[in-house]
Amino acid sequence: MKGRRRDIHLHVMVTAEELAGIREHMDEAGITNAGAYMRKMALNGYILHVDLSPVKELVSLQRRCANNLNQVAVHANMYGIYPEEIAGLQRDYEKLWEQVSNVLKELSELVAK
């Protein structure tokens, strides 16, 4: 084991039920490497797994809103502003803020636990 970063072997005995529980927790945390999981739990006592898919959706909505706003600005500079374009932008921003609200609510619930 010369040259290895982790050169000390640690052996732990568990029951079948305990191993099943450990694997279940690993799956929940999205970790497939048992050694990494055990080190993380032994050193820190917990693993925080954050699902960022709602944030990715927010980024997508933000990009669409910014693109729409840019298109309306170009159109307004050339031809003037149409009420239906403004209504479309308002709908997009309502969706965006609804998603932001939901993500913030979920984060506040996580922090409260």
PDB file of N, CA and C in Angstrom:
ATOM      1  N   MET A   1       0.813  -1.192   0.000  1.00  0.00           N
ATOM      2  CA  MET A   1       0.000   0.000   0.000  1.00  0.00           C
ATOM      3  C   MET A   1       0.860   1.261   0.000  1.00  0.00           C
ATOM      4  N   LYS A   2       2.068   1.145  -0.389  1.00  0.00           N
ATOM      5  CA  LYS A   2       2.974   2.277  -0.425  1.00  0.00           C
ATOM      6  C   LYS A   2       2.498   3.285  -1.466  1.00  0.00           C
ATOM      7  N   GLY A   3       2.510   4.545  -1.102  1.00  0.00           N
ATOM      8  CA  GLY A   3       2.089   5.593  -2.024  1.00  0.00           C
ATOM      9  C   GLY A   3       0.601   5.885  -2.001  1.00  0.00           C
ATOM     10  N   ARG A   4      -0.151   5.109  -1.272  1.00  0.00           N
ATOM     11  CA  ARG A   4      -1.601   5.357  -1.189  1.00  0.00           C
ATOM     12  C   ARG A   4      -1.860   6.490  -0.216  1.00  0.00           C
ATOM     13  N   ARG A   5      -2.868   7.266  -0.510  1.00  0.00           N
ATOM     14  CA  ARG A   5      -3.235   8.363   0.383  1.00  0.00           C
ATOM     15  C   ARG A   5      -3.787   7.812   1.690  1.00  0.00           C
ATOM     16  N   ARG A   6      -4.643   6.834   1.581  1.00  0.00           N
ATOM     17  CA  ARG A   6      -5.229   6.191   2.764  1.00  0.00           C
ATOM     18  C   ARG A   6      -4.586   4.811   2.898  1.00  0.00           C
ATOM     19  N   ASP A   7      -3.648   4.699   3.795  1.00  0.00           N
ATOM     20  CA  ASP A   7      -2.876   3.456   3.887  1.00  0.00           C
ATOM     21  C   ASP A   7      -3.212   2.612   5.114  1.00  0.00           C
ATOM     22  N   ILE A   8      -4.244   2.994   5.851  1.00  0.00           N
ATOM     23  CA  ILE A   8      -4.641   2.227   7.035  1.00  0.00           C
ATOM     24  C   ILE A   8      -5.993   1.583   6.770  1.00  0.00           C
ATOM     25  N   HIS A   9      -6.054   0.280   6.957  1.00  0.00           N
ATOM     26  CA  HIS A   9      -7.292  -0.472   6.732  1.00  0.00           C
ATOM     27  C   HIS A   9      -8.115  -0.482   8.025  1.00  0.00           C
ATOM     28  N   LEU A  10      -9.399  -0.194   7.924  1.00  0.00           N
ATOM     29  CA  LEU A  10     -10.312  -0.210   9.066  1.00  0.00           C
ATOM     30  C   LEU A  10     -11.411  -1.219   8.756  1.00  0.00           C
ATOM     31  N   HIS A  11     -11.609  -2.179   9.633  1.00  0.00           N
ATOM     32  CA  HIS A  11     -12.578  -3.256   9.408  1.00  0.00           C
ATOM     33  C   HIS A  11     -13.705  -3.123  10.423  1.00  0.00           C
ATOM     34  N   VAL A  12     -14.958  -3.181   9.952  1.00  0.00           N
ATOM     35  CA  VAL A  12     -16.120  -3.057  10.837  1.00  0.00           C
ATOM     36  C   VAL A  12     -17.070  -4.211  10.561  1.00  0.00           C
ATOM     37  N   MET A  13     -17.503  -4.872  11.611  1.00  0.00           N
ATOM     38  CA  MET A  13     -18.471  -5.965  11.480  1.00  0.00           C
ATOM     39  C   MET A  13     -19.885  -5.420  11.698  1.00  0.00           C
ATOM     40  N   VAL A  14     -20.818  -5.838  10.853  1.00  0.00           N
ATOM     41  CA  VAL A  14     -22.219  -5.437  10.989  1.00  0.00           C
ATOM     42  C   VAL A  14     -23.112  -6.646  10.743  1.00  0.00           C
ATOM     43  N   THR A  15     -24.362  -6.528  11.194  1.00  0.00           N
ATOM     44  CA  THR A  15     -25.343  -7.583  10.911  1.00  0.00           C
ATOM     45  C   THR A  15     -25.938  -7.343   9.528  1.00  0.00           C
ATOM     46  N   ALA A  16     -26.674  -8.293   9.033  1.00  0.00           N
ATOM     47  CA  ALA A  16     -27.327  -8.163   7.721  1.00  0.00           C
ATOM     48  C   ALA A  16     -28.316  -6.994   7.732  1.00  0.00           C
ATOM     49  N   GLU A  17     -29.023  -6.825   8.848  1.00  0.00           N
ATOM     50  CA  GLU A  17     -29.985  -5.725   8.958  1.00  0.00           C
ATOM     51  C   GLU A  17     -29.282  -4.375   8.953  1.00  0.00           C
ATOM     52  N   GLU A  18     -28.163  -4.305   9.678  1.00  0.00           N
ATOM     53  CA  GLU A  18     -27.402  -3.059   9.708  1.00  0.00           C
ATOM     54  C   GLU A  18     -26.850  -2.722   8.326  1.00  0.00           C
ATOM     55  N   LEU A  19     -26.353  -3.737   7.624  1.00  0.00           N
ATOM     56  CA  LEU A  19     -25.833  -3.512   6.277  1.00  0.00           C
ATOM     57  C   LEU A  19     -26.942  -3.030   5.340  1.00  0.00           C
ATOM     58  N   ALA A  20     -28.125  -3.611   5.476  1.00  0.00           N
ATOM     59  CA  ALA A  20     -29.261  -3.167   4.657  1.00  0.00           C
ATOM     60  C   ALA A  20     -29.596  -1.707   4.959  1.00  0.00           C
ATOM     61  N   GLY A  21     -29.564  -1.345   6.242  1.00  0.00           N
ATOM     62  CA  GLY A  21     -29.836   0.039   6.631  1.00  0.00           C
ATOM     63  C   GLY A  21     -28.777   0.995   6.101  1.00  0.00           C
ATOM     64  N   ILE A  22     -27.516   0.564   6.168  1.00  0.00           N
ATOM     65  CA  ILE A  22     -26.416   1.396   5.652  1.00  0.00           C
ATOM     66  C   ILE A  22     -26.593   1.608   4.158  1.00  0.00           C
ATOM     67  N   ARG A  23     -26.880   0.540   3.430  1.00  0.00           N
ATOM     68  CA  ARG A  23     -27.057   0.658   1.975  1.00  0.00           C
ATOM     69  C   ARG A  23     -28.255   1.539   1.626  1.00  0.00           C
ATOM     70  N   GLU A  24     -29.305   1.436   2.432  1.00  0.00           N
ATOM     71  CA  GLU A  24     -30.484   2.292   2.204  1.00  0.00           C
ATOM     72  C   GLU A  24     -30.119   3.767   2.384  1.00  0.00           C
ATOM     73  N   HIS A  25     -29.367   4.058   3.435  1.00  0.00           N
ATOM     74  CA  HIS A  25     -28.932   5.438   3.672  1.00  0.00           C
ATOM     75  C   HIS A  25     -27.986   5.918   2.576  1.00  0.00           C
ATOM     76  N   MET A  26     -27.140   5.028   2.086  1.00  0.00           N
ATOM     77  CA  MET A  26     -26.242   5.384   0.981  1.00  0.00           C
ATOM     78  C   MET A  26     -27.052   5.740  -0.266  1.00  0.00           C
ATOM     79  N   ASP A  27     -28.080   4.938  -0.556  1.00  0.00           N
ATOM     80  CA  ASP A  27     -28.943   5.223  -1.711  1.00  0.00           C
ATOM     81  C   ASP A  27     -29.638   6.565  -1.564  1.00  0.00           C
ATOM     82  N   GLU A  28     -30.151   6.839  -0.368  1.00  0.00           N
ATOM     83  CA  GLU A  28     -30.823   8.112  -0.112  1.00  0.00           C
ATOM     84  C   GLU A  28     -29.875   9.298  -0.311  1.00  0.00           C
ATOM     85  N   ALA A  29     -28.611   9.092   0.065  1.00  0.00           N
ATOM     86  CA  ALA A  29     -27.629  10.164  -0.058  1.00  0.00           C
ATOM     87  C   ALA A  29     -27.021  10.236  -1.451  1.00  0.00           C
ATOM     88  N   GLY A  30     -27.304   9.242  -2.285  1.00  0.00           N
ATOM     89  CA  GLY A  30     -26.754   9.238  -3.634  1.00  0.00           C
ATOM     90  C   GLY A  30     -25.278   8.864  -3.670  1.00  0.00           C
ATOM     91  N   ILE A  31     -24.834   8.078  -2.691  1.00  0.00           N
ATOM     92  CA  ILE A  31     -23.429   7.672  -2.611  1.00  0.00           C
ATOM     93  C   ILE A  31     -23.337   6.180  -2.906  1.00  0.00           C
ATOM     94  N   THR A  32     -22.430   5.814  -3.804  1.00  0.00           N
ATOM     95  CA  THR A  32     -22.283   4.403  -4.172  1.00  0.00           C
ATOM     96  C   THR A  32     -21.016   3.783  -3.577  1.00  0.00           C
ATOM     97  N   ASN A  33     -20.080   4.584  -3.153  1.00  0.00           N
ATOM     98  CA  ASN A  33     -18.825   4.102  -2.596  1.00  0.00           C
ATOM     99  C   ASN A  33     -18.966   3.970  -1.081  1.00  0.00           C
ATOM    100  N   ALA A  34     -18.950   2.715  -0.591  1.00  0.00           N
ATOM    101  CA  ALA A  34     -19.154   2.461   0.840  1.00  0.00           C
ATOM    102  C   ALA A  34     -18.050   3.083   1.697  1.00  0.00           C
ATOM    103  N   GLY A  35     -16.820   3.025   1.217  1.00  0.00           N
ATOM    104  CA  GLY A  35     -15.708   3.611   1.974  1.00  0.00           C
ATOM    105  C   GLY A  35     -15.875   5.112   2.142  1.00  0.00           C
ATOM    106  N   ALA A  36     -16.265   5.787   1.061  1.00  0.00           N
ATOM    107  CA  ALA A  36     -16.482   7.243   1.132  1.00  0.00           C
ATOM    108  C   ALA A  36     -17.619   7.554   2.089  1.00  0.00           C
ATOM    109  N   TYR A  37     -18.679   6.752   2.037  1.00  0.00           N
ATOM    110  CA  TYR A  37     -19.817   6.966   2.927  1.00  0.00           C
ATOM    111  C   TYR A  37     -19.395   6.795   4.393  1.00  0.00           C
ATOM    112  N   MET A  38     -18.682   5.714   4.677  1.00  0.00           N
ATOM    113  CA  MET A  38     -18.266   5.446   6.058  1.00  0.00           C
ATOM    114  C   MET A  38     -17.336   6.545   6.584  1.00  0.00           C
ATOM    115  N   ARG A  39     -16.385   6.989   5.761  1.00  0.00           N
ATOM    116  CA  ARG A  39     -15.487   8.074   6.193  1.00  0.00           C
ATOM    117  C   ARG A  39     -16.282   9.337   6.480  1.00  0.00           C
ATOM    118  N   LYS A  40     -17.181   9.684   5.576  1.00  0.00           N
ATOM    119  CA  LYS A  40     -17.970  10.912   5.742  1.00  0.00           C
ATOM    120  C   LYS A  40     -18.803  10.845   7.019  1.00  0.00           C
ATOM    121  N   MET A  41     -19.446   9.717   7.257  1.00  0.00           N
ATOM    122  CA  MET A  41     -20.282   9.578   8.447  1.00  0.00           C
ATOM    123  C   MET A  41     -19.435   9.554   9.725  1.00  0.00           C
ATOM    124  N   ALA A  42     -18.298   8.894   9.685  1.00  0.00           N
ATOM    125  CA  ALA A  42     -17.446   8.802  10.877  1.00  0.00           C
ATOM    126  C   ALA A  42     -16.837  10.159  11.225  1.00  0.00           C
ATOM    127  N   LEU A  43     -16.463  10.921  10.215  1.00  0.00           N
ATOM    128  CA  LEU A  43     -15.808  12.204  10.472  1.00  0.00           C
ATOM    129  C   LEU A  43     -16.788  13.340  10.742  1.00  0.00           C
ATOM    130  N   ASN A  44     -17.899  13.353  10.025  1.00  0.00           N
ATOM    131  CA  ASN A  44     -18.826  14.481  10.130  1.00  0.00           C
ATOM    132  C   ASN A  44     -20.139  14.133  10.830  1.00  0.00           C
ATOM    133  N   GLY A  45     -20.493  12.881  10.862  1.00  0.00           N
ATOM    134  CA  GLY A  45     -21.717  12.465  11.540  1.00  0.00           C
ATOM    135  C   GLY A  45     -22.973  12.586  10.718  1.00  0.00           C
ATOM    136  N   TYR A  46     -22.904  13.242   9.579  1.00  0.00           N
ATOM    137  CA  TYR A  46     -24.080  13.349   8.723  1.00  0.00           C
ATOM    138  C   TYR A  46     -23.653  13.658   7.298  1.00  0.00           C
ATOM    139  N   ILE A  47     -24.559  13.358   6.383  1.00  0.00           N
ATOM    140  CA  ILE A  47     -24.340  13.684   4.981  1.00  0.00           C
ATOM    141  C   ILE A  47     -25.571  14.442   4.517  1.00  0.00           C
ATOM    142  N   LEU A  48     -25.352  15.552   3.881  1.00  0.00           N
ATOM    143  CA  LEU A  48     -26.452  16.351   3.363  1.00  0.00           C
ATOM    144  C   LEU A  48     -26.492  16.186   1.853  1.00  0.00           C
ATOM    145  N   HIS A  49     -27.591  15.631   1.375  1.00  0.00           N
ATOM    146  CA  HIS A  49     -27.775  15.456  -0.069  1.00  0.00           C
ATOM    147  C   HIS A  49     -28.865  16.419  -0.501  1.00  0.00           C
ATOM    148  N   VAL A  50     -28.526  17.323  -1.403  1.00  0.00           N
ATOM    149  CA  VAL A  50     -29.471  18.353  -1.835  1.00  0.00           C
ATOM    150  C   VAL A  50     -29.871  18.086  -3.282  1.00  0.00           C
ATOM    151  N   ASP A  51     -31.162  17.988  -3.513  1.00  0.00           N
ATOM    152  CA  ASP A  51     -31.691  17.819  -4.866  1.00  0.00           C
ATOM    153  C   ASP A  51     -31.811  19.199  -5.491  1.00  0.00           C
ATOM    154  N   LEU A  52     -31.000  19.476  -6.499  1.00  0.00           N
ATOM    155  CA  LEU A  52     -30.978  20.796  -7.114  1.00  0.00           C
ATOM    156  C   LEU A  52     -31.861  20.908  -8.347  1.00  0.00           C
ATOM    157  N   SER A  53     -32.705  19.909  -8.615  1.00  0.00           N
ATOM    158  CA  SER A  53     -33.549  19.984  -9.805  1.00  0.00           C
ATOM    159  C   SER A  53     -34.507  21.176  -9.776  1.00  0.00           C
ATOM    160  N   PRO A  54     -35.071  21.582  -8.621  1.00  0.00           N
ATOM    161  CA  PRO A  54     -35.907  22.793  -8.635  1.00  0.00           C
ATOM    162  C   PRO A  54     -35.107  24.048  -9.000  1.00  0.00           C
ATOM    163  N   VAL A  55     -33.848  24.101  -8.575  1.00  0.00           N
ATOM    164  CA  VAL A  55     -33.011  25.254  -8.894  1.00  0.00           C
ATOM    165  C   VAL A  55     -32.709  25.275 -10.389  1.00  0.00           C
ATOM    166  N   LYS A  56     -32.477  24.101 -10.976  1.00  0.00           N
ATOM    167  CA  LYS A  56     -32.231  24.021 -12.416  1.00  0.00           C
ATOM    168  C   LYS A  56     -33.451  24.517 -13.191  1.00  0.00           C
ATOM    169  N   GLU A  57     -34.643  24.176 -12.709  1.00  0.00           N
ATOM    170  CA  GLU A  57     -35.870  24.655 -13.350  1.00  0.00           C
ATOM    171  C   GLU A  57     -35.970  26.174 -13.240  1.00  0.00           C
ATOM    172  N   LEU A  58     -35.577  26.721 -12.089  1.00  0.00           N
ATOM    173  CA  LEU A  58     -35.578  28.179 -11.921  1.00  0.00           C
ATOM    174  C   LEU A  58     -34.628  28.857 -12.899  1.00  0.00           C
ATOM    175  N   VAL A  59     -33.465  28.276 -13.080  1.00  0.00           N
ATOM    176  CA  VAL A  59     -32.494  28.846 -14.015  1.00  0.00           C
ATOM    177  C   VAL A  59     -33.067  28.827 -15.430  1.00  0.00           C
ATOM    178  N   SER A  60     -33.728  27.737 -15.788  1.00  0.00           N
ATOM    179  CA  SER A  60     -34.338  27.637 -17.109  1.00  0.00           C
ATOM    180  C   SER A  60     -35.430  28.693 -17.292  1.00  0.00           C
ATOM    181  N   LEU A  61     -36.287  28.852 -16.285  1.00  0.00           N
ATOM    182  CA  LEU A  61     -37.336  29.870 -16.358  1.00  0.00           C
ATOM    183  C   LEU A  61     -36.740  31.269 -16.446  1.00  0.00           C
ATOM    184  N   GLN A  62     -35.675  31.508 -15.687  1.00  0.00           N
ATOM    185  CA  GLN A  62     -35.023  32.816 -15.710  1.00  0.00           C
ATOM    186  C   GLN A  62     -34.462  33.123 -17.088  1.00  0.00           C
ATOM    187  N   ARG A  63     -33.852  32.121 -17.705  1.00  0.00           N
ATOM    188  CA  ARG A  63     -33.305  32.316 -19.058  1.00  0.00           C
ATOM    189  C   ARG A  63     -34.411  32.650 -20.052  1.00  0.00           C
ATOM    190  N   ARG A  64     -35.518  31.912 -19.954  1.00  0.00           N
ATOM    191  CA  ARG A  64     -36.634  32.174 -20.871  1.00  0.00           C
ATOM    192  C   ARG A  64     -37.205  33.565 -20.665  1.00  0.00           C
ATOM    193  N   CYS A  65     -37.348  33.960 -19.409  1.00  0.00           N
ATOM    194  CA  CYS A  65     -37.879  35.296 -19.117  1.00  0.00           C
ATOM    195  C   CYS A  65     -36.937  36.380 -19.637  1.00  0.00           C
ATOM    196  N   ALA A  66     -35.652  36.191 -19.435  1.00  0.00           N
ATOM    197  CA  ALA A  66     -34.679  37.177 -19.903  1.00  0.00           C
ATOM    198  C   ALA A  66     -34.693  37.252 -21.434  1.00  0.00           C
ATOM    199  N   ASN A  67     -34.804  36.109 -22.083  1.00  0.00           N
ATOM    200  CA  ASN A  67     -34.868  36.084 -23.539  1.00  0.00           C
ATOM    201  C   ASN A  67     -36.125  36.797 -24.038  1.00  0.00           C
ATOM    202  N   ASN A  68     -37.255  36.503 -23.399  1.00  0.00           N
ATOM    203  CA  ASN A  68     -38.510  37.157 -23.790  1.00  0.00           C
ATOM    204  C   ASN A  68     -38.432  38.664 -23.593  1.00  0.00           C
ATOM    205  N   LEU A  69     -37.857  39.075 -22.479  1.00  0.00           N
ATOM    206  CA  LEU A  69     -37.728  40.498 -22.188  1.00  0.00           C
ATOM    207  C   LEU A  69     -36.849  41.184 -23.240  1.00  0.00           C
ATOM    208  N   ASN A  70     -35.782  40.517 -23.630  1.00  0.00           N
ATOM    209  CA  ASN A  70     -34.903  41.066 -24.656  1.00  0.00           C
ATOM    210  C   ASN A  70     -35.646  41.199 -25.992  1.00  0.00           C
ATOM    211  N   GLN A  71     -36.423  40.190 -26.341  1.00  0.00           N
ATOM    212  CA  GLN A  71     -37.189  40.240 -27.588  1.00  0.00           C
ATOM    213  C   GLN A  71     -38.208  41.378 -27.568  1.00  0.00           C
ATOM    214  N   VAL A  72     -38.868  41.564 -26.438  1.00  0.00           N
ATOM    215  CA  VAL A  72     -39.855  42.646 -26.322  1.00  0.00           C
ATOM    216  C   VAL A  72     -39.152  44.003 -26.405  1.00  0.00           C
ATOM    217  N   ALA A  73     -37.985  44.120 -25.786  1.00  0.00           N
ATOM    218  CA  ALA A  73     -37.251  45.386 -25.839  1.00  0.00           C
ATOM    219  C   ALA A  73     -36.857  45.728 -27.273  1.00  0.00           C
ATOM    220  N   VAL A  74     -36.391  44.740 -28.020  1.00  0.00           N
ATOM    221  CA  VAL A  74     -36.035  44.969 -29.424  1.00  0.00           C
ATOM    222  C   VAL A  74     -37.270  45.366 -30.216  1.00  0.00           C
ATOM    223  N   HIS A  75     -38.354  44.629 -29.996  1.00  0.00           N
ATOM    224  CA  HIS A  75     -39.613  44.920 -30.712  1.00  0.00           C
ATOM    225  C   HIS A  75     -40.147  46.305 -30.354  1.00  0.00           C
ATOM    226  N   ALA A  76     -40.064  46.648 -29.063  1.00  0.00           N
ATOM    227  CA  ALA A  76     -40.566  47.948 -28.612  1.00  0.00           C
ATOM    228  C   ALA A  76     -39.761  49.086 -29.230  1.00  0.00           C
ATOM    229  N   ASN A  77     -38.450  48.888 -29.342  1.00  0.00           N
ATOM    230  CA  ASN A  77     -37.616  49.921 -29.951  1.00  0.00           C
ATOM    231  C   ASN A  77     -37.923  50.105 -31.438  1.00  0.00           C
ATOM    232  N   MET A  78     -38.356  49.033 -32.083  1.00  0.00           N
ATOM    233  CA  MET A  78     -38.622  49.115 -33.528  1.00  0.00           C
ATOM    234  C   MET A  78     -40.068  49.506 -33.839  1.00  0.00           C
ATOM    235  N   TYR A  79     -41.038  48.891 -33.134  1.00  0.00           N
ATOM    236  CA  TYR A  79     -42.438  49.037 -33.522  1.00  0.00           C
ATOM    237  C   TYR A  79     -43.361  49.560 -32.426  1.00  0.00           C
ATOM    238  N   GLY A  80     -42.913  49.611 -31.200  1.00  0.00           N
ATOM    239  CA  GLY A  80     -43.781  49.965 -30.083  1.00  0.00           C
ATOM    240  C   GLY A  80     -44.133  48.709 -29.292  1.00  0.00           C
ATOM    241  N   ILE A  81     -44.886  48.883 -28.221  1.00  0.00           N
ATOM    242  CA  ILE A  81     -45.205  47.771 -27.319  1.00  0.00           C
ATOM    243  C   ILE A  81     -46.651  47.340 -27.504  1.00  0.00           C
ATOM    244  N   TYR A  82     -46.862  45.994 -27.535  1.00  0.00           N
ATOM    245  CA  TYR A  82     -48.197  45.430 -27.647  1.00  0.00           C
ATOM    246  C   TYR A  82     -48.618  44.853 -26.296  1.00  0.00           C
ATOM    247  N   PRO A  83     -49.865  45.076 -25.886  1.00  0.00           N
ATOM    248  CA  PRO A  83     -50.330  44.604 -24.573  1.00  0.00           C
ATOM    249  C   PRO A  83     -50.210  43.088 -24.382  1.00  0.00           C
ATOM    250  N   GLU A  84     -50.432  42.306 -25.443  1.00  0.00           N
ATOM    251  CA  GLU A  84     -50.350  40.849 -25.285  1.00  0.00           C
ATOM    252  C   GLU A  84     -48.917  40.384 -24.990  1.00  0.00           C
ATOM    253  N   GLU A  85     -47.926  41.120 -25.473  1.00  0.00           N
ATOM    254  CA  GLU A  85     -46.542  40.777 -25.151  1.00  0.00           C
ATOM    255  C   GLU A  85     -46.254  41.035 -23.673  1.00  0.00           C
ATOM    256  N   ILE A  86     -46.771  42.130 -23.165  1.00  0.00           N
ATOM    257  CA  ILE A  86     -46.596  42.445 -21.740  1.00  0.00           C
ATOM    258  C   ILE A  86     -47.305  41.391 -20.887  1.00  0.00           C
ATOM    259  N   ALA A  87     -48.510  40.991 -21.288  1.00  0.00           N
ATOM    260  CA  ALA A  87     -49.251  39.960 -20.543  1.00  0.00           C
ATOM    261  C   ALA A  87     -48.475  38.639 -20.539  1.00  0.00           C
ATOM    262  N   GLY A  88     -47.842  38.291 -21.655  1.00  0.00           N
ATOM    263  CA  GLY A  88     -47.032  37.074 -21.720  1.00  0.00           C
ATOM    264  C   GLY A  88     -45.854  37.135 -20.774  1.00  0.00           C
ATOM    265  N   LEU A  89     -45.199  38.281 -20.737  1.00  0.00           N
ATOM    266  CA  LEU A  89     -44.087  38.458 -19.800  1.00  0.00           C
ATOM    267  C   LEU A  89     -44.558  38.347 -18.353  1.00  0.00           C
ATOM    268  N   GLN A  90     -45.709  38.921 -18.056  1.00  0.00           N
ATOM    269  CA  GLN A  90     -46.228  38.852 -16.694  1.00  0.00           C
ATOM    270  C   GLN A  90     -46.507  37.404 -16.293  1.00  0.00           C
ATOM    271  N   ARG A  91     -47.064  36.619 -17.222  1.00  0.00           N
ATOM    272  CA  ARG A  91     -47.320  35.203 -16.923  1.00  0.00           C
ATOM    273  C   ARG A  91     -46.020  34.458 -16.650  1.00  0.00           C
ATOM    274  N   ASP A  92     -44.995  34.724 -17.474  1.00  0.00           N
ATOM    275  CA  ASP A  92     -43.702  34.061 -17.277  1.00  0.00           C
ATOM    276  C   ASP A  92     -43.094  34.423 -15.925  1.00  0.00           C
ATOM    277  N   TYR A  93     -43.173  35.689 -15.552  1.00  0.00           N
ATOM    278  CA  TYR A  93     -42.615  36.100 -14.266  1.00  0.00           C
ATOM    279  C   TYR A  93     -43.423  35.556 -13.093  1.00  0.00           C
ATOM    280  N   GLU A  94     -44.730  35.398 -13.250  1.00  0.00           N
ATOM    281  CA  GLU A  94     -45.529  34.772 -12.191  1.00  0.00           C
ATOM    282  C   GLU A  94     -45.095  33.332 -11.982  1.00  0.00           C
ATOM    283  N   LYS A  95     -44.836  32.599 -13.079  1.00  0.00           N
ATOM    284  CA  LYS A  95     -44.342  31.224 -12.965  1.00  0.00           C
ATOM    285  C   LYS A  95     -42.996  31.199 -12.254  1.00  0.00           C
ATOM    286  N   LEU A  96     -42.123  32.106 -12.654  1.00  0.00           N
ATOM    287  CA  LEU A  96     -40.793  32.165 -12.062  1.00  0.00           C
ATOM    288  C   LEU A  96     -40.882  32.413 -10.558  1.00  0.00           C
ATOM    289  N   TRP A  97     -41.671  33.394 -10.146  1.00  0.00           N
ATOM    290  CA  TRP A  97     -41.762  33.710  -8.725  1.00  0.00           C
ATOM    291  C   TRP A  97     -42.475  32.634  -7.936  1.00  0.00           C
ATOM    292  N   GLU A  98     -43.394  31.911  -8.574  1.00  0.00           N
ATOM    293  CA  GLU A  98     -44.040  30.778  -7.910  1.00  0.00           C
ATOM    294  C   GLU A  98     -43.002  29.698  -7.615  1.00  0.00           C
ATOM    295  N   GLN A  99     -42.137  29.415  -8.599  1.00  0.00           N
ATOM    296  CA  GLN A  99     -41.082  28.435  -8.403  1.00  0.00           C
ATOM    297  C   GLN A  99     -40.081  28.896  -7.337  1.00  0.00           C
ATOM    298  N   VAL A 100     -39.717  30.162  -7.355  1.00  0.00           N
ATOM    299  CA  VAL A 100     -38.801  30.698  -6.348  1.00  0.00           C
ATOM    300  C   VAL A 100     -39.409  30.530  -4.959  1.00  0.00           C
ATOM    301  N   SER A 101     -40.683  30.832  -4.839  1.00  0.00           N
ATOM    302  CA  SER A 101     -41.384  30.691  -3.563  1.00  0.00           C
ATOM    303  C   SER A 101     -41.346  29.253  -3.067  1.00  0.00           C
ATOM    304  N   ASN A 102     -41.617  28.322  -3.966  1.00  0.00           N
ATOM    305  CA  ASN A 102     -41.623  26.905  -3.583  1.00  0.00           C
ATOM    306  C   ASN A 102     -40.244  26.437  -3.126  1.00  0.00           C
ATOM    307  N   VAL A 103     -39.214  26.826  -3.848  1.00  0.00           N
ATOM    308  CA  VAL A 103     -37.854  26.429  -3.470  1.00  0.00           C
ATOM    309  C   VAL A 103     -37.470  27.035  -2.125  1.00  0.00           C
ATOM    310  N   LEU A 104     -37.803  28.304  -1.919  1.00  0.00           N
ATOM    311  CA  LEU A 104     -37.491  28.938  -0.636  1.00  0.00           C
ATOM    312  C   LEU A 104     -38.243  28.274   0.514  1.00  0.00           C
ATOM    313  N   LYS A 105     -39.484  27.888   0.262  1.00  0.00           N
ATOM    314  CA  LYS A 105     -40.260  27.196   1.293  1.00  0.00           C
ATOM    315  C   LYS A 105     -39.614  25.857   1.645  1.00  0.00           C
ATOM    316  N   GLU A 106     -39.200  25.097   0.621  1.00  0.00           N
ATOM    317  CA  GLU A 106     -38.544  23.813   0.864  1.00  0.00           C
ATOM    318  C   GLU A 106     -37.233  23.996   1.625  1.00  0.00           C
ATOM    319  N   LEU A 107     -36.462  25.005   1.246  1.00  0.00           N
ATOM    320  CA  LEU A 107     -35.194  25.263   1.948  1.00  0.00           C
ATOM    321  C   LEU A 107     -35.427  25.655   3.397  1.00  0.00           C
ATOM    322  N   SER A 108     -36.445  26.465   3.664  1.00  0.00           N
ATOM    323  CA  SER A 108     -36.723  26.868   5.042  1.00  0.00           C
ATOM    324  C   SER A 108     -37.179  25.667   5.872  1.00  0.00           C
ATOM    325  N   GLU A 109     -37.890  24.721   5.248  1.00  0.00           N
ATOM    326  CA  GLU A 109     -38.298  23.511   5.966  1.00  0.00           C
ATOM    327  C   GLU A 109     -37.079  22.638   6.288  1.00  0.00           C
ATOM    328  N   LEU A 110     -36.120  22.582   5.369  1.00  0.00           N
ATOM    329  CA  LEU A 110     -34.895  21.819   5.622  1.00  0.00           C
ATOM    330  C   LEU A 110     -34.100  22.415   6.778  1.00  0.00           C
ATOM    331  N   VAL A 111     -34.020  23.742   6.799  1.00  0.00           N
ATOM    332  CA  VAL A 111     -33.256  24.413   7.845  1.00  0.00           C
ATOM    333  C   VAL A 111     -33.935  24.239   9.196  1.00  0.00           C
ATOM    334  N   ALA A 112     -35.255  24.188   9.217  1.00  0.00           N
ATOM    335  CA  ALA A 112     -36.004  24.077  10.478  1.00  0.00           C
ATOM    336  C   ALA A 112     -35.867  22.692  11.102  1.00  0.00           C
ATOM    337  N   LYS A 113     -35.496  21.688  10.310  1.00  0.00           N
ATOM    338  CA  LYS A 113     -35.408  20.304  10.846  1.00  0.00           C
ATOM    339  C   LYS A 113     -34.241  20.131  11.757  1.00  0.00           C
TER     340      LYS A 113
END
